[in-house]
C-alpha atoms as a PDB file:
ATOM      1  CA  MET A   1      30.291 -44.415  13.723  1.00  0.00           C
ATOM      2  CA  PHE A   2      28.959 -41.094  14.661  1.00  0.00           C
ATOM      3  CA  ASP A   3      30.605 -38.187  12.693  1.00  0.00           C
ATOM      4  CA  PHE A   4      29.964 -34.997  14.987  1.00  0.00           C
ATOM      5  CA  ASN A   5      30.752 -32.523  12.032  1.00  0.00           C
ATOM      6  CA  HIS A   6      28.084 -34.244   9.774  1.00  0.00           C
ATOM      7  CA  PHE A   7      25.448 -33.577  12.512  1.00  0.00           C
ATOM      8  CA  LYS A   8      26.454 -30.117  13.114  1.00  0.00           C
ATOM      9  CA  GLN A   9      26.156 -29.497   9.354  1.00  0.00           C
ATOM     10  CA  LEU A  10      22.816 -31.264   9.318  1.00  0.00           C
ATOM     11  CA  ILE A  11      21.569 -29.182  12.210  1.00  0.00           C
ATOM     12  CA  VAL A  12      22.617 -26.086  10.418  1.00  0.00           C
ATOM     13  CA  LEU A  13      21.089 -26.931   7.254  1.00  0.00           C
ATOM     14  CA  LEU A  14      17.702 -27.961   8.903  1.00  0.00           C
ATOM     15  CA  THR A  15      17.831 -24.679  10.835  1.00  0.00           C
ATOM     16  CA  PHE A  16      18.240 -22.696   7.834  1.00  0.00           C
ATOM     17  CA  MET A  17      15.326 -24.227   5.958  1.00  0.00           C
ATOM     18  CA  SER A  18      12.792 -23.717   8.881  1.00  0.00           C
ATOM     19  CA  ILE A  19      13.892 -20.211   9.044  1.00  0.00           C
ATOM     20  CA  CYS A  20      13.231 -19.894   5.208  1.00  0.00           C
ATOM     21  CA  ASN A  21      10.070 -21.694   5.377  1.00  0.00           C
ATOM     22  CA  LEU A  22       8.705 -19.791   8.389  1.00  0.00           C
ATOM     23  CA  LYS A  23       9.637 -16.254   6.644  1.00  0.00           C
ATOM     24  CA  CYS A  24       7.698 -17.399   3.339  1.00  0.00           C
ATOM     25  CA  ILE A  25       4.778 -18.705   5.736  1.00  0.00           C
ATOM     26  CA  ALA A  26       4.867 -15.519   8.013  1.00  0.00           C
ATOM     27  CA  HIS A  27       3.957 -13.372   4.662  1.00  0.00           C
ATOM     28  CA  GLU A  28       1.300 -15.330   2.452  1.00  0.00           C
ATOM     29  CA  TYR A  29      -1.093 -12.494   2.928  1.00  0.00           C
ATOM     30  CA  HIS A  30      -0.680  -8.869   0.854  1.00  0.00           C
ATOM     31  CA  VAL A  31      -3.009  -6.343   2.232  1.00  0.00           C
ATOM     32  CA  SER A  32      -3.006  -2.553   2.033  1.00  0.00           C
ATOM     33  CA  ILE A  33      -5.696  -0.190   3.874  1.00  0.00           C
ATOM     34  CA  CYS A  34      -6.472   3.137   2.235  1.00  0.00           C
ATOM     35  CA  THR A  35      -8.622   5.070   4.663  1.00  0.00           C
ATOM     36  CA  MET A  36     -10.249   8.095   2.908  1.00  0.00           C
ATOM     37  CA  ASP A  37     -11.795  10.807   5.464  1.00  0.00           C
ATOM     38  CA  TYR A  38     -13.824  13.767   3.797  1.00  0.00           C
ATOM     39  CA  ASN A  39     -13.473  16.977   5.523  1.00  0.00           C
ATOM     40  CA  ARG A  40     -16.651  19.015   4.900  1.00  0.00           C
ATOM     41  CA  ALA A  41     -15.265  22.152   6.549  1.00  0.00           C
ATOM     42  CA  ASN A  42     -11.999  22.381   4.285  1.00  0.00           C
ATOM     43  CA  LYS A  43     -13.755  20.457   1.065  1.00  0.00           C
ATOM     44  CA  SER A  44     -11.003  18.146   0.783  1.00  0.00           C
ATOM     45  CA  ILE A  45     -10.467  14.166   1.375  1.00  0.00           C
ATOM     46  CA  GLU A  46      -7.375  13.024   3.420  1.00  0.00           C
ATOM     47  CA  LEU A  47      -6.131   9.691   2.399  1.00  0.00           C
ATOM     48  CA  THR A  48      -4.122   7.551   4.657  1.00  0.00           C
ATOM     49  CA  PHE A  49      -2.446   4.007   2.970  1.00  0.00           C
ATOM     50  CA  LYS A  50      -1.091   1.617   5.329  1.00  0.00           C
ATOM     51  CA  LEU A  51       1.132  -1.152   3.593  1.00  0.00           C
ATOM     52  CA  ILE A  52       3.968  -3.368   4.265  1.00  0.00           C
ATOM     53  CA  ALA A  53       7.180  -1.426   3.654  1.00  0.00           C
ATOM     54  CA  HIS A  54       9.267  -4.131   2.061  1.00  0.00           C
ATOM     55  CA  ASP A  55       6.247  -5.012  -0.448  1.00  0.00           C
ATOM     56  CA  PHE A  56       5.967  -1.346  -1.510  1.00  0.00           C
ATOM     57  CA  GLU A  57       9.853  -1.038  -1.831  1.00  0.00           C
ATOM     58  CA  LYS A  58      10.036  -4.245  -3.798  1.00  0.00           C
ATOM     59  CA  ALA A  59       7.179  -2.580  -6.301  1.00  0.00           C
ATOM     60  CA  ILE A  60       9.569   0.565  -6.758  1.00  0.00           C
ATOM     61  CA  LEU A  61      12.504  -1.508  -7.365  1.00  0.00           C
ATOM     62  CA  GLU A  62      10.751  -3.418  -9.930  1.00  0.00           C
ATOM     63  CA  ASN A  63       9.201  -0.275 -11.806  1.00  0.00           C
ATOM     64  CA  ASN A  64      12.038   2.199 -11.243  1.00  0.00           C
ATOM     65  CA  LYS A  65      15.083  -0.029 -10.357  1.00  0.00           C
ATOM     66  CA  ALA A  66      15.483   2.254  -7.047  1.00  0.00           C
ATOM     67  CA  ASP A  67      16.173   0.829  -3.832  1.00  0.00           C
ATOM     68  CA  LEU A  68      14.061   3.314  -1.330  1.00  0.00           C
ATOM     69  CA  LYS A  69      15.517   2.011   1.896  1.00  0.00           C
ATOM     70  CA  LEU A  70      12.847   3.551   3.475  1.00  0.00           C
ATOM     71  CA  GLY A  71      13.171   4.624   7.125  1.00  0.00           C
ATOM     72  CA  SER A  72      16.765   4.029   7.197  1.00  0.00           C
ATOM     73  CA  PRO A  73      19.978   6.744   6.685  1.00  0.00           C
ATOM     74  CA  LYS A  74      20.656   5.512   3.495  1.00  0.00           C
ATOM     75  CA  GLU A  75      17.046   6.399   2.356  1.00  0.00           C
ATOM     76  CA  LEU A  76      17.068   7.580  -1.235  1.00  0.00           C
ATOM     77  CA  SER A  77      16.646  11.280  -1.729  1.00  0.00           C
ATOM     78  CA  SER A  78      14.186  10.887  -4.128  1.00  0.00           C
ATOM     79  CA  ALA A  79      11.786   8.395  -2.015  1.00  0.00           C
ATOM     80  CA  ASN A  80       9.179  11.042  -1.705  1.00  0.00           C
ATOM     81  CA  VAL A  81       8.759  11.831  -5.772  1.00  0.00           C
ATOM     82  CA  LEU A  82       8.963   7.713  -6.390  1.00  0.00           C
ATOM     83  CA  ILE A  83       6.422   7.500  -3.757  1.00  0.00           C
ATOM     84  CA  THR A  84       4.118  10.185  -5.027  1.00  0.00           C
ATOM     85  CA  ASN A  85       4.583   8.740  -8.841  1.00  0.00           C
ATOM     86  CA  TYR A  86       3.625   5.102  -7.946  1.00  0.00           C
ATOM     87  CA  ILE A  87       0.731   6.054  -5.715  1.00  0.00           C
ATOM     88  CA  THR A  88      -0.897   8.496  -8.316  1.00  0.00           C
ATOM     89  CA  ASP A  89      -0.313   5.974 -11.043  1.00  0.00           C
ATOM     90  CA  HIS A  90      -1.846   3.342  -9.206  1.00  0.00           C
ATOM     91  CA  PHE A  91      -4.876   4.999  -7.194  1.00  0.00           C
ATOM     92  CA  LEU A  92      -6.897   7.280  -9.290  1.00  0.00           C
ATOM     93  CA  ILE A  93     -10.131   8.858  -7.951  1.00  0.00           C
ATOM     94  CA  SER A  94     -12.584  10.726 -10.318  1.00  0.00           C
ATOM     95  CA  PHE A  95     -15.856  12.673  -9.741  1.00  0.00           C
ATOM     96  CA  ALA A  96     -18.551  13.349 -12.345  1.00  0.00           C
ATOM     97  CA  ASP A  97     -16.537  16.581 -13.211  1.00  0.00           C
ATOM     98  CA  SER A  98     -12.837  15.184 -13.604  1.00  0.00           C
ATOM     99  CA  SER A  99     -10.354  13.016 -11.944  1.00  0.00           C
ATOM    100  CA  ARG A 100      -8.309  14.598  -9.140  1.00  0.00           C
ATOM    101  CA  ARG A 101      -4.635  14.394  -8.256  1.00  0.00           C
ATOM    102  CA  LEU A 102      -3.426  13.264  -4.847  1.00  0.00           C
ATOM    103  CA  LYS A 103      -1.075  15.553  -3.194  1.00  0.00           C
ATOM    104  CA  PHE A 104       1.789  13.961  -1.083  1.00  0.00           C
ATOM    105  CA  ILE A 105       1.760  15.134   2.525  1.00  0.00           C
ATOM    106  CA  GLY A 106       4.184  12.719   4.290  1.00  0.00           C
ATOM    107  CA  LYS A 107       4.954   9.267   5.108  1.00  0.00           C
ATOM    108  CA  GLU A 108       6.022   7.333   8.442  1.00  0.00           C
ATOM    109  CA  VAL A 109       7.604   3.887   8.487  1.00  0.00           C
ATOM    110  CA  GLU A 110       7.227   1.692  11.700  1.00  0.00           C
ATOM    111  CA  LEU A 111       9.389  -0.934  13.217  1.00  0.00           C
ATOM    112  CA  ASP A 112       7.019  -3.698  12.249  1.00  0.00           C
ATOM    113  CA  GLU A 113       7.361  -2.650   8.574  1.00  0.00           C
ATOM    114  CA  SER A 114       4.247  -0.789   8.207  1.00  0.00           C
ATOM    115  CA  LEU A 115       4.588   2.216   5.788  1.00  0.00           C
ATOM    116  CA  TYR A 116       1.749   4.876   6.245  1.00  0.00           C
ATOM    117  CA  LEU A 117       1.350   7.316   3.323  1.00  0.00           C
ATOM    118  CA  TYR A 118      -0.537  10.200   3.510  1.00  0.00           C
ATOM    119  CA  PHE A 119      -2.521  12.302   0.778  1.00  0.00           C
ATOM    120  CA  GLU A 120      -4.847  14.983   0.202  1.00  0.00           C
ATOM    121  CA  ILE A 121      -7.177  15.879  -2.483  1.00  0.00           C
ATOM    122  CA  LYS A 122      -8.356  19.485  -2.236  1.00  0.00           C
ATOM    123  CA  ASN A 123     -11.447  21.578  -3.383  1.00  0.00           C
ATOM    124  CA  VAL A 124     -13.597  18.462  -3.424  1.00  0.00           C
ATOM    125  CA  SER A 125     -17.299  18.924  -4.018  1.00  0.00           C
ATOM    126  CA  LEU A 126     -18.835  15.534  -3.664  1.00  0.00           C
ATOM    127  CA  ASN A 127     -21.881  14.618  -6.046  1.00  0.00           C
ATOM    128  CA  ASN A 128     -23.677  11.334  -5.959  1.00  0.00           C
ATOM    129  CA  ARG A 129     -20.856   9.264  -7.546  1.00  0.00           C
ATOM    130  CA  MET A 130     -17.299   8.619  -7.605  1.00  0.00           C
ATOM    131  CA  THR A 131     -15.141   6.288  -9.585  1.00  0.00           C
ATOM    132  CA  VAL A 132     -11.892   4.447  -7.776  1.00  0.00           C
ATOM    133  CA  VAL A 133      -9.057   2.708  -9.414  1.00  0.00           C
ATOM    134  CA  ASN A 134      -6.661   0.916  -7.204  1.00  0.00           C
ATOM    135  CA  THR A 135      -3.869  -1.247  -8.621  1.00  0.00           C
ATOM    136  CA  ILE A 136      -1.446  -0.810  -5.727  1.00  0.00           C
ATOM    137  CA  LEU A 137       0.954  -3.503  -5.553  1.00  0.00           C
ATOM    138  CA  VAL A 138      -1.110  -6.103  -7.595  1.00  0.00           C
ATOM    139  CA  GLN A 139       1.433  -6.606 -10.423  1.00  0.00           C
ATOM    140  CA  THR A 140       4.152  -7.258  -7.555  1.00  0.00           C
ATOM    141  CA  CYS A 141       2.179  -9.330  -5.615  1.00  0.00           C
ATOM    142  CA  PRO A 142      -0.822 -11.218  -7.365  1.00  0.00           C
ATOM    143  CA  ALA A 143      -2.461 -12.178  -4.390  1.00  0.00           C
ATOM    144  CA  GLN A 144      -2.688  -8.209  -3.220  1.00  0.00           C
ATOM    145  CA  GLU A 145      -5.825  -7.183  -1.811  1.00  0.00           C
ATOM    146  CA  ASN A 146      -6.443  -3.294  -1.163  1.00  0.00           C
ATOM    147  CA  ILE A 147      -9.089  -2.287   1.166  1.00  0.00           C
ATOM    148  CA  LEU A 148     -10.500   1.055   0.871  1.00  0.00           C
ATOM    149  CA  TYR A 149     -12.781   2.435   3.791  1.00  0.00           C
ATOM    150  CA  PHE A 150     -14.325   5.991   2.829  1.00  0.00           C
ATOM    151  CA  ASN A 151     -15.646   7.928   5.822  1.00  0.00           C
ATOM    152  CA  LEU A 152     -18.249  10.270   5.101  1.00  0.00           C
ATOM    153  CA  GLY A 153     -19.139  11.452   8.471  1.00  0.00           C
ATOM    154  CA  LYS A 154     -21.520   9.097   9.868  1.00  0.00           C
ATOM    155  CA  GLN A 155     -21.538   6.995   6.812  1.00  0.00           C
ATOM    156  CA  VAL A 156     -18.419   4.530   6.252  1.00  0.00           C
ATOM    157  CA  LEU A 157     -18.254   2.912   2.711  1.00  0.00           C
ATOM    158  CA  SER A 158     -15.924   0.041   2.178  1.00  0.00           C
ATOM    159  CA  GLU A 159     -14.749  -1.747  -0.994  1.00  0.00           C
ATOM    160  CA  VAL A 160     -12.044  -4.549  -1.701  1.00  0.00           C
ATOM    161  CA  PHE A 161      -9.987  -4.153  -4.710  1.00  0.00           C
ATOM    162  CA  ASN A 162      -7.414  -6.872  -6.172  1.00  0.00           C
ATOM    163  CA  LYS A 163      -6.120  -8.094  -9.516  1.00  0.00           C
ATOM    164  CA  ASN A 164      -9.328  -8.944 -10.780  1.00  0.00           C
ATOM    165  CA  ARG A 165     -11.223  -6.090  -9.448  1.00  0.00           C
ATOM    166  CA  THR A 166      -9.522  -2.811 -10.104  1.00  0.00           C
ATOM    167  CA  HIS A 167     -12.304  -0.647 -10.765  1.00  0.00           C
ATOM    168  CA  LYS A 168     -15.291   0.567  -8.766  1.00  0.00           C
ATOM    169  CA  GLU A 169     -18.099   3.021  -9.213  1.00  0.00           C
ATOM    170  CA  ILE A 170     -19.085   4.242  -5.798  1.00  0.00           C
ATOM    171  CA  GLU A 171     -22.840   5.529  -5.102  1.00  0.00           C
ATOM    172  CA  LEU A 172     -22.459   8.264  -2.597  1.00  0.00           C
ATOM    173  CA  THR A 173     -25.571   8.491  -0.334  1.00  0.00           C
ATOM    174  CA  TRP A 174     -26.018  11.299   1.992  1.00  0.00           C
END
């Protein structure tokens, strides 16, 4: 005999499993993009990081036990400090003379969960070589890929970082 209540429970269970499965499939790639623009006139490097907001929030939660709630009315008042500390701990640039600290400029959270972080490095005199260390989100998301684009006027350099490749010495040709 057909049991309608059992059938409804089965449909609810299958729907729930399908939604969970789709959510896992929909986010199997973990990618960030950092665009660095050298501003010759100001002798500065302007950096824009594009990340997935919930991946970044997960990293902050794991590292600092703080739930950022970015872009919401309940956003943590210390969010900018936690963001700055995380990025400056996981993204380092050094030149022949010294390593340089990034200065936080601002952030934007888009409806599609894109998180844009803006930083700057002032008083930069580029010579022939720089070293970049990028470990952003590689501890939280082992499949994380971090793409770097460095715009030097007409020349664009690109590199990919991941858990196995976190350091790169970059030759600058003018």
